[in-house]
Amino acid sequence: MQNRSFVVALAALCLALGVSAAVALADEAADKYPDISIKELKTAIEKNKVTVIDVNGSDSYRDGHIPGAINFETSQDKLEKVLPKDKGALVVAYCGGPQCMAYKAAAQKAVAMGYTNVKHLSAGISGWKEAGEKVEKADKAG
């Protein structure tokens, strides 16, 4: 049902703007937060070249998150203290998996703070675990 609503909305947009304008808007939205693969993220983590933000909520964070990830729920009001000073540094936000859009809250906040290299791990924590990657657990939500 949700996909049908999207198709209807996209069709209306195409009619209102013209197909080429609607396609350009869709491309712009997709490019706003480019996807990063699990392999690319792992490499960046190993080289200490990324700040990872978990947007799954504190309970999920406690149960298992990508090693070194920041809990967005408890850190969103103090991101300026936990994100790198270099506004060109890689920042990756993720949530549950490919259908989850919660990551956008962290990505939008990072961009609003001036970060220019913000990406999305669309595989999310579910894809990370399915790939056999290790997770960290937390005693508390922080």
N, C-alpha and C. Protein backbone atom coordinates (compact mmCIF):
# COMPACT_ATOMS: atom_id res chain seq x y z
N MET A 1 0.82 -1.19 0.00
CA MET A 1 0.00 0.00 0.00
C MET A 1 0.86 1.26 0.00
N GLN A 2 1.92 1.23 0.81
CA GLN A 2 2.80 2.39 0.89
C GLN A 2 3.49 2.63 -0.45
N ASN A 3 3.92 1.56 -1.13
CA ASN A 3 4.55 1.70 -2.44
C ASN A 3 3.57 2.27 -3.45
N ARG A 4 2.31 1.87 -3.36
CA ARG A 4 1.30 2.38 -4.28
C ARG A 4 1.13 3.88 -4.10
N SER A 5 1.09 4.33 -2.86
CA SER A 5 0.97 5.76 -2.58
C SER A 5 2.16 6.52 -3.15
N PHE A 6 3.34 5.93 -3.05
CA PHE A 6 4.54 6.57 -3.59
C PHE A 6 4.43 6.69 -5.11
N VAL A 7 3.98 5.63 -5.76
CA VAL A 7 3.85 5.64 -7.22
C VAL A 7 2.84 6.69 -7.66
N VAL A 8 1.72 6.79 -6.96
CA VAL A 8 0.71 7.79 -7.28
C VAL A 8 1.28 9.19 -7.10
N ALA A 9 1.99 9.40 -6.01
CA ALA A 9 2.60 10.71 -5.76
C ALA A 9 3.64 11.04 -6.82
N LEU A 10 4.45 10.05 -7.20
CA LEU A 10 5.46 10.27 -8.23
C LEU A 10 4.81 10.58 -9.57
N ALA A 11 3.75 9.89 -9.89
CA ALA A 11 3.03 10.16 -11.15
C ALA A 11 2.47 11.58 -11.15
N ALA A 12 1.90 12.00 -10.03
CA ALA A 12 1.38 13.37 -9.93
C ALA A 12 2.50 14.39 -10.08
N LEU A 13 3.64 14.10 -9.48
CA LEU A 13 4.79 14.99 -9.60
C LEU A 13 5.27 15.08 -11.04
N CYS A 14 5.29 13.94 -11.72
CA CYS A 14 5.70 13.93 -13.13
C CYS A 14 4.76 14.78 -13.97
N LEU A 15 3.48 14.67 -13.71
CA LEU A 15 2.51 15.46 -14.46
C LEU A 15 2.66 16.94 -14.16
N ALA A 16 2.89 17.26 -12.90
CA ALA A 16 2.99 18.66 -12.50
C ALA A 16 4.28 19.31 -12.97
N LEU A 17 5.39 18.60 -12.88
CA LEU A 17 6.69 19.19 -13.19
C LEU A 17 7.24 18.78 -14.55
N GLY A 18 6.72 17.75 -15.08
CA GLY A 18 7.33 17.19 -16.27
C GLY A 18 8.26 16.08 -15.83
N VAL A 19 8.38 15.06 -16.64
CA VAL A 19 9.15 13.88 -16.28
C VAL A 19 10.61 14.20 -15.96
N SER A 20 11.25 15.02 -16.77
CA SER A 20 12.68 15.28 -16.55
C SER A 20 12.92 16.00 -15.23
N ALA A 21 12.05 16.91 -14.86
CA ALA A 21 12.22 17.61 -13.58
C ALA A 21 12.01 16.65 -12.41
N ALA A 22 11.02 15.77 -12.51
CA ALA A 22 10.76 14.81 -11.44
C ALA A 22 11.94 13.85 -11.28
N VAL A 23 12.50 13.39 -12.39
CA VAL A 23 13.66 12.49 -12.35
C VAL A 23 14.84 13.21 -11.71
N ALA A 24 15.05 14.47 -12.06
CA ALA A 24 16.15 15.25 -11.47
C ALA A 24 15.97 15.38 -9.97
N LEU A 25 14.73 15.60 -9.50
CA LEU A 25 14.49 15.71 -8.07
C LEU A 25 14.76 14.38 -7.37
N ALA A 26 14.35 13.29 -7.97
CA ALA A 26 14.61 11.97 -7.39
C ALA A 26 16.10 11.69 -7.31
N ASP A 27 16.84 12.03 -8.37
CA ASP A 27 18.29 11.83 -8.37
C ASP A 27 18.96 12.67 -7.30
N GLU A 28 18.50 13.91 -7.14
CA GLU A 28 19.08 14.79 -6.13
C GLU A 28 18.87 14.22 -4.73
N ALA A 29 17.69 13.70 -4.46
CA ALA A 29 17.42 13.11 -3.14
C ALA A 29 18.31 11.91 -2.89
N ALA A 30 18.51 11.07 -3.92
CA ALA A 30 19.34 9.87 -3.77
C ALA A 30 20.80 10.24 -3.56
N ASP A 31 21.25 11.31 -4.20
CA ASP A 31 22.65 11.71 -4.10
C ASP A 31 22.95 12.53 -2.85
N LYS A 32 21.93 12.99 -2.16
CA LYS A 32 22.15 13.84 -1.00
C LYS A 32 22.99 13.12 0.06
N TYR A 33 22.67 11.87 0.30
CA TYR A 33 23.43 11.06 1.25
C TYR A 33 23.83 9.78 0.53
N PRO A 34 24.94 9.81 -0.18
CA PRO A 34 25.36 8.62 -0.95
C PRO A 34 25.54 7.41 -0.04
N ASP A 35 25.26 6.26 -0.60
CA ASP A 35 25.40 5.02 0.14
C ASP A 35 26.87 4.64 0.26
N ILE A 36 27.19 4.01 1.36
CA ILE A 36 28.52 3.45 1.58
C ILE A 36 28.33 1.96 1.84
N SER A 37 29.17 1.15 1.26
CA SER A 37 29.05 -0.30 1.44
C SER A 37 29.63 -0.70 2.79
N ILE A 38 29.27 -1.90 3.22
CA ILE A 38 29.82 -2.44 4.47
C ILE A 38 31.34 -2.53 4.35
N LYS A 39 31.84 -2.99 3.22
CA LYS A 39 33.28 -3.13 3.01
C LYS A 39 33.98 -1.76 3.11
N GLU A 40 33.41 -0.75 2.45
CA GLU A 40 34.01 0.59 2.50
C GLU A 40 33.99 1.15 3.92
N LEU A 41 32.88 0.93 4.63
CA LEU A 41 32.79 1.42 6.00
C LEU A 41 33.78 0.71 6.90
N LYS A 42 33.90 -0.60 6.73
CA LYS A 42 34.88 -1.36 7.53
C LYS A 42 36.29 -0.82 7.34
N THR A 43 36.64 -0.54 6.09
CA THR A 43 37.96 0.00 5.78
C THR A 43 38.16 1.36 6.45
N ALA A 44 37.15 2.22 6.36
CA ALA A 44 37.24 3.55 6.99
C ALA A 44 37.37 3.43 8.50
N ILE A 45 36.66 2.48 9.10
CA ILE A 45 36.75 2.27 10.56
C ILE A 45 38.15 1.79 10.92
N GLU A 46 38.67 0.84 10.16
CA GLU A 46 40.01 0.31 10.43
C GLU A 46 41.07 1.39 10.32
N LYS A 47 40.88 2.35 9.42
CA LYS A 47 41.84 3.44 9.23
C LYS A 47 41.53 4.65 10.12
N ASN A 48 40.49 4.50 10.97
CA ASN A 48 40.08 5.59 11.85
C ASN A 48 39.76 6.87 11.06
N LYS A 49 39.05 6.69 9.94
CA LYS A 49 38.75 7.81 9.03
C LYS A 49 37.26 8.08 8.93
N VAL A 50 36.48 7.73 9.96
CA VAL A 50 35.04 7.90 9.89
C VAL A 50 34.46 8.09 11.28
N THR A 51 33.37 8.83 11.33
CA THR A 51 32.56 8.92 12.53
C THR A 51 31.22 8.29 12.16
N VAL A 52 30.82 7.27 12.91
CA VAL A 52 29.61 6.52 12.61
C VAL A 52 28.53 6.89 13.63
N ILE A 53 27.32 7.13 13.12
CA ILE A 53 26.20 7.50 13.99
C ILE A 53 25.10 6.45 13.86
N ASP A 54 24.74 5.84 14.97
CA ASP A 54 23.66 4.85 15.05
C ASP A 54 22.37 5.58 15.39
N VAL A 55 21.35 5.43 14.54
CA VAL A 55 20.08 6.13 14.75
C VAL A 55 18.95 5.14 15.08
N ASN A 56 19.30 4.03 15.69
CA ASN A 56 18.31 2.99 15.98
C ASN A 56 17.65 3.13 17.34
N GLY A 57 18.07 4.05 18.15
CA GLY A 57 17.50 4.19 19.50
C GLY A 57 18.38 3.50 20.53
N SER A 58 18.21 3.89 21.76
CA SER A 58 19.09 3.43 22.84
C SER A 58 18.98 1.94 23.13
N ASP A 59 17.79 1.37 23.05
CA ASP A 59 17.66 -0.07 23.33
C ASP A 59 18.43 -0.88 22.29
N SER A 60 18.26 -0.54 21.03
CA SER A 60 18.98 -1.23 19.96
C SER A 60 20.48 -1.01 20.10
N TYR A 61 20.87 0.22 20.41
CA TYR A 61 22.28 0.56 20.59
C TYR A 61 22.90 -0.33 21.67
N ARG A 62 22.20 -0.46 22.77
CA ARG A 62 22.67 -1.27 23.89
C ARG A 62 22.83 -2.74 23.46
N ASP A 63 21.88 -3.22 22.64
CA ASP A 63 21.89 -4.63 22.22
C ASP A 63 22.97 -4.95 21.19
N GLY A 64 23.44 -3.94 20.46
CA GLY A 64 24.51 -4.17 19.50
C GLY A 64 24.54 -3.11 18.42
N HIS A 65 25.68 -2.47 18.30
CA HIS A 65 25.87 -1.41 17.30
C HIS A 65 27.23 -1.61 16.62
N ILE A 66 27.42 -0.91 15.52
CA ILE A 66 28.70 -0.96 14.83
C ILE A 66 29.76 -0.43 15.79
N PRO A 67 30.88 -1.15 15.93
CA PRO A 67 31.91 -0.72 16.88
C PRO A 67 32.32 0.75 16.69
N GLY A 68 32.29 1.48 17.79
CA GLY A 68 32.69 2.88 17.79
C GLY A 68 31.58 3.85 17.43
N ALA A 69 30.41 3.33 17.07
CA ALA A 69 29.31 4.22 16.66
C ALA A 69 28.82 5.06 17.84
N ILE A 70 28.33 6.24 17.49
CA ILE A 70 27.75 7.17 18.45
C ILE A 70 26.25 6.90 18.52
N ASN A 71 25.69 6.90 19.71
CA ASN A 71 24.25 6.75 19.89
C ASN A 71 23.60 8.11 19.63
N PHE A 72 22.92 8.24 18.51
CA PHE A 72 22.31 9.52 18.14
C PHE A 72 21.27 9.96 19.17
N GLU A 73 20.51 9.02 19.69
CA GLU A 73 19.44 9.37 20.63
C GLU A 73 19.96 10.12 21.85
N THR A 74 21.11 9.72 22.35
CA THR A 74 21.65 10.38 23.55
C THR A 74 22.66 11.48 23.21
N SER A 75 23.06 11.58 21.95
CA SER A 75 24.11 12.54 21.58
C SER A 75 23.64 13.66 20.66
N GLN A 76 22.40 13.63 20.21
CA GLN A 76 21.97 14.58 19.19
C GLN A 76 22.08 16.04 19.62
N ASP A 77 21.96 16.31 20.91
CA ASP A 77 22.06 17.69 21.38
C ASP A 77 23.49 18.14 21.61
N LYS A 78 24.44 17.20 21.48
CA LYS A 78 25.84 17.55 21.70
C LYS A 78 26.74 17.03 20.57
N LEU A 79 26.17 16.92 19.36
CA LEU A 79 26.94 16.40 18.23
C LEU A 79 28.20 17.22 17.96
N GLU A 80 28.12 18.52 18.19
CA GLU A 80 29.29 19.36 17.92
C GLU A 80 30.49 18.93 18.76
N LYS A 81 30.24 18.25 19.88
CA LYS A 81 31.33 17.79 20.75
C LYS A 81 31.87 16.42 20.32
N VAL A 82 31.06 15.63 19.60
CA VAL A 82 31.50 14.27 19.26
C VAL A 82 31.86 14.11 17.79
N LEU A 83 31.45 15.05 16.95
CA LEU A 83 31.84 14.98 15.54
C LEU A 83 33.20 15.65 15.35
N PRO A 84 33.93 15.26 14.32
CA PRO A 84 35.26 15.85 14.11
C PRO A 84 35.20 17.34 13.81
N LYS A 85 36.29 18.02 14.10
CA LYS A 85 36.37 19.46 13.80
C LYS A 85 36.41 19.70 12.29
N ASP A 86 37.01 18.77 11.54
CA ASP A 86 37.12 18.87 10.09
C ASP A 86 35.76 18.62 9.46
N LYS A 87 35.16 19.65 8.88
CA LYS A 87 33.82 19.55 8.28
C LYS A 87 33.81 18.70 7.01
N GLY A 88 34.98 18.35 6.49
CA GLY A 88 35.07 17.48 5.32
C GLY A 88 35.26 16.02 5.69
N ALA A 89 35.34 15.74 6.97
CA ALA A 89 35.55 14.36 7.44
C ALA A 89 34.33 13.50 7.11
N LEU A 90 34.57 12.23 6.92
CA LEU A 90 33.50 11.28 6.62
C LEU A 90 32.64 11.03 7.85
N VAL A 91 31.33 11.20 7.66
CA VAL A 91 30.34 10.92 8.69
C VAL A 91 29.33 9.96 8.06
N VAL A 92 29.07 8.84 8.73
CA VAL A 92 28.14 7.84 8.21
C VAL A 92 27.03 7.61 9.22
N ALA A 93 25.80 7.73 8.74
CA ALA A 93 24.63 7.46 9.58
C ALA A 93 23.98 6.17 9.12
N TYR A 94 23.43 5.42 10.06
CA TYR A 94 22.71 4.20 9.71
C TYR A 94 21.59 3.96 10.69
N CYS A 95 20.63 3.14 10.26
CA CYS A 95 19.56 2.72 11.16
C CYS A 95 19.34 1.22 10.99
N GLY A 96 18.11 0.77 10.88
CA GLY A 96 17.82 -0.66 10.91
C GLY A 96 18.20 -1.44 9.68
N GLY A 97 17.94 -0.88 8.52
CA GLY A 97 18.19 -1.60 7.28
C GLY A 97 17.73 -0.81 6.08
N PRO A 98 17.67 -1.43 4.92
CA PRO A 98 17.38 -0.73 3.68
C PRO A 98 16.07 0.05 3.65
N GLN A 99 15.06 -0.39 4.37
CA GLN A 99 13.76 0.30 4.36
C GLN A 99 13.67 1.40 5.42
N CYS A 100 14.61 1.47 6.31
CA CYS A 100 14.58 2.43 7.42
C CYS A 100 15.08 3.80 6.96
N MET A 101 14.36 4.83 7.30
CA MET A 101 14.74 6.19 6.92
C MET A 101 15.12 7.05 8.13
N ALA A 102 15.19 6.45 9.31
CA ALA A 102 15.53 7.20 10.52
C ALA A 102 16.91 7.84 10.44
N TYR A 103 17.81 7.24 9.65
CA TYR A 103 19.17 7.77 9.52
C TYR A 103 19.18 9.23 9.08
N LYS A 104 18.13 9.64 8.36
CA LYS A 104 18.08 11.00 7.81
C LYS A 104 18.16 12.06 8.90
N ALA A 105 17.65 11.79 10.09
CA ALA A 105 17.71 12.77 11.17
C ALA A 105 19.16 13.13 11.49
N ALA A 106 20.01 12.13 11.59
CA ALA A 106 21.42 12.39 11.89
C ALA A 106 22.13 13.00 10.68
N ALA A 107 21.84 12.48 9.50
CA ALA A 107 22.48 13.01 8.29
C ALA A 107 22.13 14.47 8.09
N GLN A 108 20.86 14.81 8.24
CA GLN A 108 20.43 16.20 8.08
C GLN A 108 21.06 17.11 9.12
N LYS A 109 21.16 16.62 10.34
CA LYS A 109 21.77 17.43 11.40
C LYS A 109 23.25 17.68 11.10
N ALA A 110 23.96 16.64 10.64
CA ALA A 110 25.38 16.80 10.31
C ALA A 110 25.56 17.80 9.17
N VAL A 111 24.72 17.71 8.15
CA VAL A 111 24.80 18.65 7.02
C VAL A 111 24.49 20.07 7.50
N ALA A 112 23.49 20.21 8.34
CA ALA A 112 23.14 21.52 8.88
C ALA A 112 24.28 22.12 9.69
N MET A 113 25.12 21.25 10.27
CA MET A 113 26.28 21.71 11.04
C MET A 113 27.47 22.03 10.13
N GLY A 114 27.32 21.80 8.82
CA GLY A 114 28.37 22.14 7.87
C GLY A 114 29.18 20.97 7.34
N TYR A 115 28.84 19.74 7.72
CA TYR A 115 29.59 18.58 7.23
C TYR A 115 29.24 18.32 5.77
N THR A 116 30.25 18.06 4.97
CA THR A 116 30.06 17.94 3.53
C THR A 116 30.27 16.52 2.99
N ASN A 117 30.68 15.59 3.83
CA ASN A 117 30.94 14.22 3.39
C ASN A 117 30.11 13.25 4.24
N VAL A 118 28.78 13.40 4.13
CA VAL A 118 27.86 12.60 4.92
C VAL A 118 27.31 11.48 4.04
N LYS A 119 27.43 10.25 4.52
CA LYS A 119 26.96 9.09 3.76
C LYS A 119 26.01 8.25 4.60
N HIS A 120 25.41 7.29 3.92
CA HIS A 120 24.39 6.43 4.53
C HIS A 120 24.78 4.97 4.33
N LEU A 121 24.78 4.21 5.39
CA LEU A 121 24.95 2.77 5.29
C LEU A 121 23.55 2.19 5.17
N SER A 122 23.07 2.02 3.93
CA SER A 122 21.69 1.57 3.74
C SER A 122 21.48 0.15 4.24
N ALA A 123 22.52 -0.65 4.30
CA ALA A 123 22.39 -2.01 4.83
C ALA A 123 21.97 -1.98 6.29
N GLY A 124 22.31 -0.92 7.00
CA GLY A 124 21.93 -0.77 8.39
C GLY A 124 22.55 -1.83 9.29
N ILE A 125 22.07 -1.84 10.52
CA ILE A 125 22.62 -2.80 11.48
C ILE A 125 22.23 -4.22 11.09
N SER A 126 21.08 -4.39 10.46
CA SER A 126 20.67 -5.75 10.06
C SER A 126 21.62 -6.30 9.00
N GLY A 127 21.99 -5.48 8.03
CA GLY A 127 22.92 -5.92 6.99
C GLY A 127 24.31 -6.16 7.54
N TRP A 128 24.72 -5.31 8.49
CA TRP A 128 26.03 -5.45 9.14
C TRP A 128 26.11 -6.81 9.83
N LYS A 129 25.06 -7.15 10.58
CA LYS A 129 25.03 -8.43 11.29
C LYS A 129 24.95 -9.59 10.31
N GLU A 130 24.12 -9.47 9.27
CA GLU A 130 23.98 -10.54 8.27
C GLU A 130 25.30 -10.82 7.56
N ALA A 131 26.14 -9.77 7.43
CA ALA A 131 27.45 -9.93 6.79
C ALA A 131 28.46 -10.58 7.74
N GLY A 132 28.04 -10.86 8.98
CA GLY A 132 28.92 -11.51 9.94
C GLY A 132 29.87 -10.56 10.64
N GLU A 133 29.59 -9.27 10.55
CA GLU A 133 30.47 -8.28 11.19
C GLU A 133 30.19 -8.23 12.69
N LYS A 134 31.21 -7.88 13.44
CA LYS A 134 31.10 -7.80 14.90
C LYS A 134 30.30 -6.56 15.30
N VAL A 135 29.62 -6.67 16.41
CA VAL A 135 28.93 -5.53 17.00
C VAL A 135 29.44 -5.33 18.42
N GLU A 136 29.30 -4.10 18.88
CA GLU A 136 29.62 -3.77 20.27
C GLU A 136 28.31 -3.70 21.02
N LYS A 137 28.34 -4.13 22.25
CA LYS A 137 27.18 -3.96 23.13
C LYS A 137 27.54 -2.93 24.18
N ALA A 138 26.54 -2.29 24.70
CA ALA A 138 26.79 -1.24 25.69
C ALA A 138 26.05 -1.57 26.98
N ASP A 139 26.69 -1.29 28.11
CA ASP A 139 26.05 -1.48 29.40
C ASP A 139 24.98 -0.45 29.61
N LYS A 140 25.19 0.71 29.02
CA LYS A 140 24.20 1.79 29.11
C LYS A 140 23.97 2.31 27.69
N ALA A 141 23.08 3.23 27.54
CA ALA A 141 22.65 3.70 26.22
C ALA A 141 23.61 4.67 25.57
N GLY A 142 24.63 5.14 26.26
CA GLY A 142 25.51 6.19 25.79
C GLY A 142 26.36 5.87 24.70
